[in-house]
Amino acid sequence: MAFDELKGNIDDIQESTKAYIDSTIAYYKLWGFKVAMKSTTTVIKFILIALFFLLFLLFASIACSLALGNLIGSTILGFLIVSGVYFVFAILLFFVKDKIIEGPILESFSKIFFND
């Protein structure tokens, strides 16, 4: 009789352990899906915002170049001045890219992965 009770308890422990493992696996699958979707939507939102900002910047640059060209009297010089300004910004960005770009990106993805 004691052996039958012990066998029943072992069966219950095995069933409980299996249920726990199954629910843990399901939880981590859902957590992984949630993190993947948050990351994907964050990247897509960033790309869309960047795309529209670049379109705005393109048309604003053309307008500024044409306006400077009319002011100076040479359209080519207007475009060269605007491109020179972008070149200076590119050089500055190259030297401070770690502080401006990597930090905020790491921070935002750390919030997604570790705060939930």
Protein backbone atom coordinates (compact mmCIF):
# COMPACT_ATOMS: atom_id res chain seq x y z
CA MET A 1 0.00 0.00 0.00
CA ALA A 2 2.73 2.44 0.86
CA PHE A 3 4.35 1.61 -2.47
CA ASP A 4 1.13 2.51 -4.34
CA GLU A 5 0.90 5.86 -2.53
CA LEU A 6 4.53 6.60 -3.30
CA LYS A 7 3.99 5.68 -6.94
CA GLY A 8 0.93 7.97 -7.08
CA ASN A 9 2.92 10.84 -5.57
CA ILE A 10 5.73 10.33 -8.07
CA ASP A 11 3.22 10.35 -10.92
CA ASP A 12 1.75 13.61 -9.60
CA ILE A 13 5.21 15.15 -9.34
CA GLN A 14 6.01 14.11 -12.91
CA GLU A 15 2.74 15.59 -14.22
CA SER A 16 3.29 18.82 -12.29
CA THR A 17 6.87 19.09 -13.54
CA LYS A 18 5.78 18.50 -17.13
CA ALA A 19 3.03 21.11 -16.81
CA TYR A 20 5.51 23.59 -15.32
CA ILE A 21 8.04 23.02 -18.11
CA ASP A 22 5.34 23.34 -20.78
CA SER A 23 4.01 26.59 -19.30
CA THR A 24 7.56 27.97 -18.95
CA ILE A 25 8.32 27.17 -22.59
CA ALA A 26 5.06 28.82 -23.66
CA TYR A 27 5.88 31.89 -21.56
CA TYR A 28 9.31 32.34 -23.11
CA LYS A 29 7.91 31.84 -26.60
CA LEU A 30 5.40 34.64 -25.95
CA TRP A 31 8.09 36.81 -24.38
CA GLY A 32 10.38 36.29 -27.38
CA PHE A 33 7.54 37.12 -29.75
CA LYS A 34 6.74 40.28 -27.78
CA VAL A 35 10.37 41.44 -27.80
CA ALA A 36 10.74 40.64 -31.49
CA MET A 37 7.59 42.55 -32.38
CA LYS A 38 8.53 45.56 -30.26
CA SER A 39 11.98 45.62 -31.84
CA THR A 40 10.56 45.24 -35.34
CA THR A 41 7.96 47.97 -34.88
CA THR A 42 10.55 50.29 -33.36
CA VAL A 43 12.88 49.77 -36.33
CA ILE A 44 10.04 50.23 -38.85
CA LYS A 45 8.88 53.43 -37.14
CA PHE A 46 12.44 54.74 -37.14
CA ILE A 47 12.88 53.92 -40.82
CA LEU A 48 9.61 55.63 -41.78
CA ILE A 49 10.41 58.74 -39.77
CA ALA A 50 13.92 58.84 -41.22
CA LEU A 51 12.56 58.39 -44.76
CA PHE A 52 10.13 61.30 -44.46
CA PHE A 53 12.76 63.45 -42.78
CA LEU A 54 15.19 62.72 -45.61
CA LEU A 55 12.55 63.64 -48.19
CA PHE A 56 11.93 66.89 -46.34
CA LEU A 57 15.66 67.52 -46.13
CA LEU A 58 16.10 66.83 -49.85
CA PHE A 59 13.46 69.30 -50.94
CA ALA A 60 14.54 71.89 -48.36
CA SER A 61 18.14 71.55 -49.56
CA ILE A 62 17.13 72.05 -53.17
CA ALA A 63 15.08 75.10 -52.23
CA CYS A 64 17.90 76.52 -50.12
CA SER A 65 20.44 75.88 -52.87
CA LEU A 66 18.28 77.61 -55.46
CA ALA A 67 17.62 80.54 -53.12
CA LEU A 68 21.35 80.92 -52.37
CA GLY A 69 22.09 80.60 -56.08
CA ASN A 70 19.68 83.42 -56.90
CA LEU A 71 21.11 85.53 -54.08
CA ILE A 72 24.73 84.98 -55.15
CA GLY A 73 24.02 84.94 -58.85
CA SER A 74 25.28 81.40 -59.49
CA THR A 75 23.11 78.32 -58.96
CA ILE A 76 26.16 76.06 -58.93
CA LEU A 77 27.72 78.01 -56.05
CA GLY A 78 24.44 77.74 -54.12
CA PHE A 79 24.49 73.97 -54.46
CA LEU A 80 28.18 73.84 -53.55
CA ILE A 81 27.61 75.90 -50.39
CA VAL A 82 24.76 73.64 -49.25
CA SER A 83 26.78 70.51 -50.00
CA GLY A 84 29.72 72.00 -48.08
CA VAL A 85 27.49 72.53 -45.07
CA TYR A 86 26.41 68.87 -45.26
CA PHE A 87 30.04 67.81 -45.56
CA VAL A 88 30.91 69.71 -42.36
CA PHE A 89 27.93 68.10 -40.58
CA ALA A 90 29.08 64.67 -41.79
CA ILE A 91 32.58 65.21 -40.41
CA LEU A 92 31.20 66.40 -37.07
CA LEU A 93 28.85 63.43 -36.92
CA PHE A 94 31.73 61.07 -37.64
CA PHE A 95 33.60 62.30 -34.58
CA VAL A 96 30.63 62.27 -32.17
CA LYS A 97 28.74 59.26 -33.56
CA ASP A 98 29.27 57.13 -30.46
CA LYS A 99 27.65 59.66 -28.15
CA ILE A 100 24.82 60.70 -30.45
CA ILE A 101 23.88 57.49 -32.23
CA GLU A 102 25.02 54.39 -30.34
CA GLY A 103 24.01 55.57 -26.87
CA PRO A 104 20.34 56.31 -27.60
CA ILE A 105 19.93 53.18 -29.75
CA LEU A 106 21.42 50.95 -27.05
CA GLU A 107 19.28 52.65 -24.43
CA SER A 108 16.03 52.22 -26.36
CA PHE A 109 16.68 48.55 -27.15
CA SER A 110 17.78 47.91 -23.56
CA LYS A 111 14.40 49.23 -22.40
CA ILE A 112 12.66 46.85 -24.79
CA PHE A 113 14.66 43.78 -23.78
CA PHE A 114 15.24 44.26 -20.07
CA ASN A 115 12.36 46.33 -18.67
CA ASP A 116 9.55 44.01 -19.67
